[in-house]
PDB file of N, CA and C in Angstrom:
ATOM      1  N   UNK A   1      15.586  -9.646   9.154  1.00  0.00           N
ATOM      2  CA  UNK A   1      14.069 -10.281   9.285  1.00  0.00           C
ATOM      3  C   UNK A   1      13.788 -11.334   7.897  1.00  0.00           C
ATOM      4  N   UNK A   2      14.529 -10.087   7.023  1.00  0.00           N
ATOM      5  CA  UNK A   2      14.085 -10.805   5.499  1.00  0.00           C
ATOM      6  C   UNK A   2      14.481 -12.015   4.898  1.00  0.00           C
ATOM      7  N   UNK A   3      15.758 -12.918   5.030  1.00  0.00           N
ATOM      8  CA  UNK A   3      16.547 -13.851   5.312  1.00  0.00           C
ATOM      9  C   UNK A   3      15.590 -14.465   6.157  1.00  0.00           C
ATOM     10  N   UNK A   4      15.369 -14.409   7.144  1.00  0.00           N
ATOM     11  CA  UNK A   4      14.264 -15.402   8.408  1.00  0.00           C
ATOM     12  C   UNK A   4      13.095 -15.562   7.281  1.00  0.00           C
ATOM     13  N   UNK A   5      12.112 -14.526   6.975  1.00  0.00           N
ATOM     14  CA  UNK A   5      11.149 -14.383   6.533  1.00  0.00           C
ATOM     15  C   UNK A   5      11.653 -15.472   5.014  1.00  0.00           C
ATOM     16  N   UNK A   6      12.131 -15.405   4.114  1.00  0.00           N
ATOM     17  CA  UNK A   6      12.124 -16.129   3.309  1.00  0.00           C
ATOM     18  C   UNK A   6      12.547 -18.058   3.572  1.00  0.00           C
ATOM     19  N   UNK A   7      13.428 -17.735   4.535  1.00  0.00           N
ATOM     20  CA  UNK A   7      13.920 -19.396   4.804  1.00  0.00           C
ATOM     21  C   UNK A   7      12.665 -19.985   5.473  1.00  0.00           C
ATOM     22  N   UNK A   8      11.409 -19.344   5.893  1.00  0.00           N
ATOM     23  CA  UNK A   8      10.144 -19.871   6.273  1.00  0.00           C
ATOM     24  C   UNK A   8       9.263 -19.952   5.077  1.00  0.00           C
ATOM     25  N   UNK A   9       9.374 -19.532   4.200  1.00  0.00           N
ATOM     26  CA  UNK A   9       8.156 -19.498   2.703  1.00  0.00           C
ATOM     27  C   UNK A   9       7.693 -18.226   2.993  1.00  0.00           C
ATOM     28  N   UNK A  10       7.411 -16.976   3.984  1.00  0.00           N
ATOM     29  CA  UNK A  10       6.847 -16.057   3.474  1.00  0.00           C
ATOM     30  C   UNK A  10       6.907 -15.171   2.854  1.00  0.00           C
ATOM     31  N   UNK A  11       7.919 -15.343   2.657  1.00  0.00           N
ATOM     32  CA  UNK A  11       8.532 -14.604   1.465  1.00  0.00           C
ATOM     33  C   UNK A  11       9.174 -14.731   0.278  1.00  0.00           C
ATOM     34  N   UNK A  12       9.022 -14.660  -0.766  1.00  0.00           N
ATOM     35  CA  UNK A  12      10.192 -15.142  -2.002  1.00  0.00           C
ATOM     36  C   UNK A  12      10.641 -14.084  -2.618  1.00  0.00           C
ATOM     37  N   UNK A  13      11.681 -14.613  -3.169  1.00  0.00           N
ATOM     38  CA  UNK A  13      12.604 -12.978  -4.313  1.00  0.00           C
ATOM     39  C   UNK A  13      11.709 -12.863  -5.455  1.00  0.00           C
ATOM     40  N   UNK A  14      11.043 -11.587  -5.511  1.00  0.00           N
ATOM     41  CA  UNK A  14      10.048 -11.039  -6.190  1.00  0.00           C
ATOM     42  C   UNK A  14       8.751 -10.581  -5.552  1.00  0.00           C
ATOM     43  N   UNK A  15       8.640 -11.378  -4.120  1.00  0.00           N
ATOM     44  CA  UNK A  15       7.551 -11.216  -3.416  1.00  0.00           C
ATOM     45  C   UNK A  15       7.303  -9.328  -3.252  1.00  0.00           C
ATOM     46  N   UNK A  16       5.928  -9.235  -2.933  1.00  0.00           N
ATOM     47  CA  UNK A  16       5.231  -7.866  -2.972  1.00  0.00           C
ATOM     48  C   UNK A  16       5.331  -7.111  -1.421  1.00  0.00           C
ATOM     49  N   UNK A  17       6.743  -6.316  -0.911  1.00  0.00           N
ATOM     50  CA  UNK A  17       6.021  -5.803   0.507  1.00  0.00           C
ATOM     51  C   UNK A  17       5.354  -4.706   0.771  1.00  0.00           C
ATOM     52  N   UNK A  18       5.049  -3.725   1.333  1.00  0.00           N
ATOM     53  CA  UNK A  18       4.731  -2.441   1.925  1.00  0.00           C
ATOM     54  C   UNK A  18       4.804  -1.850   3.139  1.00  0.00           C
ATOM     55  N   UNK A  19       5.377  -0.876   2.452  1.00  0.00           N
ATOM     56  CA  UNK A  19       6.178  -0.035   3.770  1.00  0.00           C
ATOM     57  C   UNK A  19       5.739   1.109   4.755  1.00  0.00           C
ATOM     58  N   UNK A  20       5.272   0.876   5.566  1.00  0.00           N
ATOM     59  CA  UNK A  20       4.640   2.999   6.186  1.00  0.00           C
ATOM     60  C   UNK A  20       5.952   3.430   6.554  1.00  0.00           C
ATOM     61  N   UNK A  21       6.271   5.124   6.227  1.00  0.00           N
ATOM     62  CA  UNK A  21       7.280   5.398   6.253  1.00  0.00           C
ATOM     63  C   UNK A  21       7.140   6.971   6.564  1.00  0.00           C
ATOM     64  N   UNK A  22       7.627   7.873   7.743  1.00  0.00           N
ATOM     65  CA  UNK A  22       7.690   8.868   8.040  1.00  0.00           C
ATOM     66  C   UNK A  22       8.821   9.337   6.813  1.00  0.00           C
ATOM     67  N   UNK A  23       8.688  10.599   6.191  1.00  0.00           N
ATOM     68  CA  UNK A  23       8.644  11.136   5.200  1.00  0.00           C
ATOM     69  C   UNK A  23       8.925  12.488   5.491  1.00  0.00           C
ATOM     70  N   UNK A  24       8.497  12.905   6.467  1.00  0.00           N
ATOM     71  CA  UNK A  24       8.909  14.428   7.086  1.00  0.00           C
ATOM     72  C   UNK A  24       9.414  14.675   7.896  1.00  0.00           C
ATOM     73  N   UNK A  25       9.199  13.560   9.361  1.00  0.00           N
ATOM     74  CA  UNK A  25       9.567  13.636  10.582  1.00  0.00           C
ATOM     75  C   UNK A  25       9.254  14.561  11.373  1.00  0.00           C
ATOM     76  N   UNK A  26       7.963  14.493  11.159  1.00  0.00           N
ATOM     77  CA  UNK A  26       6.875  15.634  12.256  1.00  0.00           C
ATOM     78  C   UNK A  26       5.732  14.622  12.966  1.00  0.00           C
ATOM     79  N   UNK A  27       6.617  13.261  13.401  1.00  0.00           N
ATOM     80  CA  UNK A  27       5.991  12.310  14.113  1.00  0.00           C
ATOM     81  C   UNK A  27       5.107  11.839  13.851  1.00  0.00           C
ATOM     82  N   UNK A  28       5.273  10.389  13.557  1.00  0.00           N
ATOM     83  CA  UNK A  28       4.527   9.200  12.573  1.00  0.00           C
ATOM     84  C   UNK A  28       4.336   9.076  11.230  1.00  0.00           C
ATOM     85  N   UNK A  29       4.596   7.903  10.639  1.00  0.00           N
ATOM     86  CA  UNK A  29       4.139   7.759   9.645  1.00  0.00           C
ATOM     87  C   UNK A  29       3.273   8.082   8.611  1.00  0.00           C
ATOM     88  N   UNK A  30       3.439   8.678   7.776  1.00  0.00           N
ATOM     89  CA  UNK A  30       2.397   9.494   6.595  1.00  0.00           C
ATOM     90  C   UNK A  30       2.293   8.639   5.309  1.00  0.00           C
ATOM     91  N   UNK A  31       3.108   8.064   4.794  1.00  0.00           N
ATOM     92  CA  UNK A  31       3.277   7.668   3.669  1.00  0.00           C
ATOM     93  C   UNK A  31       3.540   6.147   3.558  1.00  0.00           C
ATOM     94  N   UNK A  32       2.284   5.228   2.055  1.00  0.00           N
ATOM     95  CA  UNK A  32       3.001   4.180   1.636  1.00  0.00           C
ATOM     96  C   UNK A  32       3.959   3.894   0.838  1.00  0.00           C
ATOM     97  N   UNK A  33       5.323   2.725   0.800  1.00  0.00           N
ATOM     98  CA  UNK A  33       5.939   2.744  -0.374  1.00  0.00           C
ATOM     99  C   UNK A  33       6.020   0.840  -0.535  1.00  0.00           C
ATOM    100  N   UNK A  34       5.835   0.636  -1.626  1.00  0.00           N
ATOM    101  CA  UNK A  34       5.907  -0.749  -2.282  1.00  0.00           C
ATOM    102  C   UNK A  34       7.325  -0.874  -2.893  1.00  0.00           C
ATOM    103  N   UNK A  35       7.474  -2.229  -2.277  1.00  0.00           N
ATOM    104  CA  UNK A  35       9.164  -2.435  -2.872  1.00  0.00           C
ATOM    105  C   UNK A  35       8.779  -4.278  -3.086  1.00  0.00           C
ATOM    106  N   UNK A  36       9.784  -4.919  -3.902  1.00  0.00           N
ATOM    107  CA  UNK A  36       9.757  -6.056  -4.283  1.00  0.00           C
ATOM    108  C   UNK A  36      11.007  -6.653  -3.620  1.00  0.00           C
ATOM    109  N   UNK A  37      10.979  -7.640  -3.027  1.00  0.00           N
ATOM    110  CA  UNK A  37      12.004  -8.369  -1.815  1.00  0.00           C
ATOM    111  C   UNK A  37      13.239  -9.362  -3.625  1.00  0.00           C
ATOM    112  N   UNK A  38      14.402  -8.741  -3.507  1.00  0.00           N
ATOM    113  CA  UNK A  38      14.765  -9.345  -3.974  1.00  0.00           C
ATOM    114  C   UNK A  38      16.690  -9.785  -3.757  1.00  0.00           C
ATOM    115  N   UNK A  39      17.226 -10.540  -4.136  1.00  0.00           N
ATOM    116  CA  UNK A  39      18.383 -11.491  -4.281  1.00  0.00           C
ATOM    117  C   UNK A  39      19.692 -10.612  -4.547  1.00  0.00           C
ATOM    118  N   UNK A  40      20.396 -10.450  -3.627  1.00  0.00           N
ATOM    119  CA  UNK A  40      21.739  -9.956  -4.267  1.00  0.00           C
ATOM    120  C   UNK A  40      22.448 -11.092  -4.759  1.00  0.00           C
ATOM    121  N   UNK A  41      23.641 -10.660  -5.454  1.00  0.00           N
ATOM    122  CA  UNK A  41      24.423 -11.534  -6.100  1.00  0.00           C
ATOM    123  C   UNK A  41      25.178 -12.175  -4.875  1.00  0.00           C
ATOM    124  N   UNK A  42      25.351 -11.415  -3.738  1.00  0.00           N
ATOM    125  CA  UNK A  42      26.236 -12.196  -2.464  1.00  0.00           C
ATOM    126  C   UNK A  42      25.438 -13.044  -1.828  1.00  0.00           C
ATOM    127  N   UNK A  43      23.947 -12.899  -2.067  1.00  0.00           N
ATOM    128  CA  UNK A  43      23.289 -13.958  -1.566  1.00  0.00           C
ATOM    129  C   UNK A  43      22.526 -13.422  -0.584  1.00  0.00           C
ATOM    130  N   UNK A  44      22.444 -12.362  -0.079  1.00  0.00           N
ATOM    131  CA  UNK A  44      21.695 -11.834   1.058  1.00  0.00           C
ATOM    132  C   UNK A  44      20.368 -10.883   0.391  1.00  0.00           C
ATOM    133  N   UNK A  45      19.399 -11.161   1.206  1.00  0.00           N
ATOM    134  CA  UNK A  45      18.282 -10.308   0.291  1.00  0.00           C
ATOM    135  C   UNK A  45      17.958  -8.573   1.458  1.00  0.00           C
ATOM    136  N   UNK A  46      17.448  -8.111  -0.135  1.00  0.00           N
ATOM    137  CA  UNK A  46      17.396  -6.606   0.030  1.00  0.00           C
ATOM    138  C   UNK A  46      15.304  -6.541   0.144  1.00  0.00           C
ATOM    139  N   UNK A  47      15.006  -5.086  -0.109  1.00  0.00           N
ATOM    140  CA  UNK A  47      13.994  -4.813  -0.467  1.00  0.00           C
ATOM    141  C   UNK A  47      14.332  -3.122  -1.970  1.00  0.00           C
ATOM    142  N   UNK A  48      13.730  -3.518  -2.775  1.00  0.00           N
ATOM    143  CA  UNK A  48      13.695  -2.601  -3.815  1.00  0.00           C
ATOM    144  C   UNK A  48      12.494  -1.612  -3.866  1.00  0.00           C
ATOM    145  N   UNK A  49      12.662  -0.539  -3.522  1.00  0.00           N
ATOM    146  CA  UNK A  49      11.248   0.085  -4.061  1.00  0.00           C
ATOM    147  C   UNK A  49      10.878   0.489  -5.506  1.00  0.00           C
ATOM    148  N   UNK A  50      10.008   0.073  -5.773  1.00  0.00           N
ATOM    149  CA  UNK A  50       9.442   0.084  -7.120  1.00  0.00           C
ATOM    150  C   UNK A  50       8.006   0.440  -7.381  1.00  0.00           C
ATOM    151  N   UNK A  51       7.321   1.220  -6.617  1.00  0.00           N
ATOM    152  CA  UNK A  51       5.977   1.502  -6.967  1.00  0.00           C
ATOM    153  C   UNK A  51       6.074   3.070  -6.934  1.00  0.00           C
ATOM    154  N   UNK A  52       6.549   3.852  -7.189  1.00  0.00           N
ATOM    155  CA  UNK A  52       7.057   5.462  -6.346  1.00  0.00           C
ATOM    156  C   UNK A  52       6.595   6.322  -7.734  1.00  0.00           C
ATOM    157  N   UNK A  53       6.475   7.231  -7.515  1.00  0.00           N
ATOM    158  CA  UNK A  53       6.661   8.514  -8.668  1.00  0.00           C
ATOM    159  C   UNK A  53       7.523   9.398  -8.432  1.00  0.00           C
ATOM    160  N   UNK A  54       8.258   9.177  -7.173  1.00  0.00           N
ATOM    161  CA  UNK A  54       9.575   9.529  -7.172  1.00  0.00           C
ATOM    162  C   UNK A  54      11.216   8.783  -7.596  1.00  0.00           C
ATOM    163  N   UNK A  55      11.547   9.319  -8.872  1.00  0.00           N
ATOM    164  CA  UNK A  55      12.359   9.209  -9.679  1.00  0.00           C
ATOM    165  C   UNK A  55      13.433   8.735  -8.446  1.00  0.00           C
ATOM    166  N   UNK A  56      13.341   9.631  -7.880  1.00  0.00           N
ATOM    167  CA  UNK A  56      14.945   9.650  -6.909  1.00  0.00           C
ATOM    168  C   UNK A  56      14.902   8.167  -6.128  1.00  0.00           C
ATOM    169  N   UNK A  57      13.979   8.091  -5.994  1.00  0.00           N
ATOM    170  CA  UNK A  57      14.137   6.719  -4.615  1.00  0.00           C
ATOM    171  C   UNK A  57      13.537   5.470  -5.673  1.00  0.00           C
ATOM    172  N   UNK A  58      13.279   5.401  -7.057  1.00  0.00           N
ATOM    173  CA  UNK A  58      12.509   4.796  -7.525  1.00  0.00           C
ATOM    174  C   UNK A  58      13.548   3.161  -7.833  1.00  0.00           C
ATOM    175  N   UNK A  59      13.940   2.066  -7.633  1.00  0.00           N
ATOM    176  CA  UNK A  59      14.611   1.117  -7.568  1.00  0.00           C
ATOM    177  C   UNK A  59      16.166   1.087  -6.638  1.00  0.00           C
ATOM    178  N   UNK A  60      15.812   2.169  -5.763  1.00  0.00           N
ATOM    179  CA  UNK A  60      16.312   2.398  -4.519  1.00  0.00           C
ATOM    180  C   UNK A  60      16.348   1.133  -3.660  1.00  0.00           C
ATOM    181  N   UNK A  61      17.390   0.624  -2.394  1.00  0.00           N
ATOM    182  CA  UNK A  61      17.241   0.310  -1.808  1.00  0.00           C
ATOM    183  C   UNK A  61      16.737   0.793  -0.781  1.00  0.00           C
ATOM    184  N   UNK A  62      16.031  -0.046   0.319  1.00  0.00           N
ATOM    185  CA  UNK A  62      15.381   0.290   1.579  1.00  0.00           C
ATOM    186  C   UNK A  62      16.575   0.471   2.115  1.00  0.00           C
ATOM    187  N   UNK A  63      17.427  -0.061   2.192  1.00  0.00           N
ATOM    188  CA  UNK A  63      18.617   0.225   3.197  1.00  0.00           C
ATOM    189  C   UNK A  63      19.153   1.508   2.657  1.00  0.00           C
ATOM    190  N   UNK A  64      19.236   2.040   1.770  1.00  0.00           N
ATOM    191  CA  UNK A  64      20.268   3.407   1.044  1.00  0.00           C
ATOM    192  C   UNK A  64      19.029   4.645   1.876  1.00  0.00           C
ATOM    193  N   UNK A  65      17.629   4.035   1.259  1.00  0.00           N
ATOM    194  CA  UNK A  65      16.296   4.921   1.274  1.00  0.00           C
ATOM    195  C   UNK A  65      16.394   5.440   2.790  1.00  0.00           C
ATOM    196  N   UNK A  66      16.734   4.472   3.570  1.00  0.00           N
ATOM    197  CA  UNK A  66      17.120   4.700   4.741  1.00  0.00           C
ATOM    198  C   UNK A  66      17.885   5.940   5.171  1.00  0.00           C
ATOM    199  N   UNK A  67      19.250   5.310   5.059  1.00  0.00           N
ATOM    200  CA  UNK A  67      20.346   5.476   5.385  1.00  0.00           C
ATOM    201  C   UNK A  67      20.248   6.908   4.654  1.00  0.00           C
ATOM    202  N   UNK A  68      20.700   7.549   3.625  1.00  0.00           N
ATOM    203  CA  UNK A  68      20.773   8.421   2.488  1.00  0.00           C
ATOM    204  C   UNK A  68      19.403   9.703   2.686  1.00  0.00           C
ATOM    205  N   UNK A  69      17.920   8.915   2.828  1.00  0.00           N
ATOM    206  CA  UNK A  69      17.032  10.147   3.191  1.00  0.00           C
ATOM    207  C   UNK A  69      16.701  10.605   4.605  1.00  0.00           C
ATOM    208  N   UNK A  70      17.587   9.669   5.361  1.00  0.00           N
ATOM    209  CA  UNK A  70      16.817   9.277   6.888  1.00  0.00           C
ATOM    210  C   UNK A  70      15.470   9.220   7.017  1.00  0.00           C
ATOM    211  N   UNK A  71      15.082   8.478   6.550  1.00  0.00           N
ATOM    212  CA  UNK A  71      13.201   8.392   6.640  1.00  0.00           C
ATOM    213  C   UNK A  71      13.170   7.130   7.491  1.00  0.00           C
ATOM    214  N   UNK A  72      12.250   7.547   8.436  1.00  0.00           N
ATOM    215  CA  UNK A  72      12.235   6.344   9.373  1.00  0.00           C
ATOM    216  C   UNK A  72      11.196   5.137   8.973  1.00  0.00           C
ATOM    217  N   UNK A  73      11.205   3.877   8.946  1.00  0.00           N
ATOM    218  CA  UNK A  73      10.308   2.857   8.391  1.00  0.00           C
ATOM    219  C   UNK A  73       9.781   2.407   9.917  1.00  0.00           C
ATOM    220  N   UNK A  74       8.274   3.038   9.541  1.00  0.00           N
ATOM    221  CA  UNK A  74       7.278   2.587  10.814  1.00  0.00           C
ATOM    222  C   UNK A  74       6.713   1.056  10.716  1.00  0.00           C
ATOM    223  N   UNK A  75       6.731   0.651   9.916  1.00  0.00           N
ATOM    224  CA  UNK A  75       6.091  -0.711   9.680  1.00  0.00           C
ATOM    225  C   UNK A  75       6.168  -1.203   8.426  1.00  0.00           C
ATOM    226  N   UNK A  76       6.764  -2.737   8.248  1.00  0.00           N
ATOM    227  CA  UNK A  76       6.834  -3.504   7.399  1.00  0.00           C
ATOM    228  C   UNK A  76       5.926  -4.772   6.989  1.00  0.00           C
ATOM    229  N   UNK A  77       4.879  -4.176   5.812  1.00  0.00           N
ATOM    230  CA  UNK A  77       3.862  -5.746   5.936  1.00  0.00           C
ATOM    231  C   UNK A  77       3.968  -6.831   4.505  1.00  0.00           C
ATOM    232  N   UNK A  78       4.260  -7.853   5.165  1.00  0.00           N
ATOM    233  CA  UNK A  78       4.630  -8.628   4.016  1.00  0.00           C
ATOM    234  C   UNK A  78       3.224  -9.065   3.129  1.00  0.00           C
TER     235      UNK A  78
END
């Protein structure tokens, strides 16, 4: 989705994206996280969480956040 959005000009490197996530697993999203679009050295795109008070997830890749912390992402808003 990121590469496609980049290719059509909806986002670019450094764009800010808001995510609506479920942090407690009690049925439904309950928290907003802000991330920025980053281009990795291999040419792929990712989202890096940057506006958050929890130092454990600051600058973590959204893919790692999803895998390691088992959080559900309900909505991504460009």
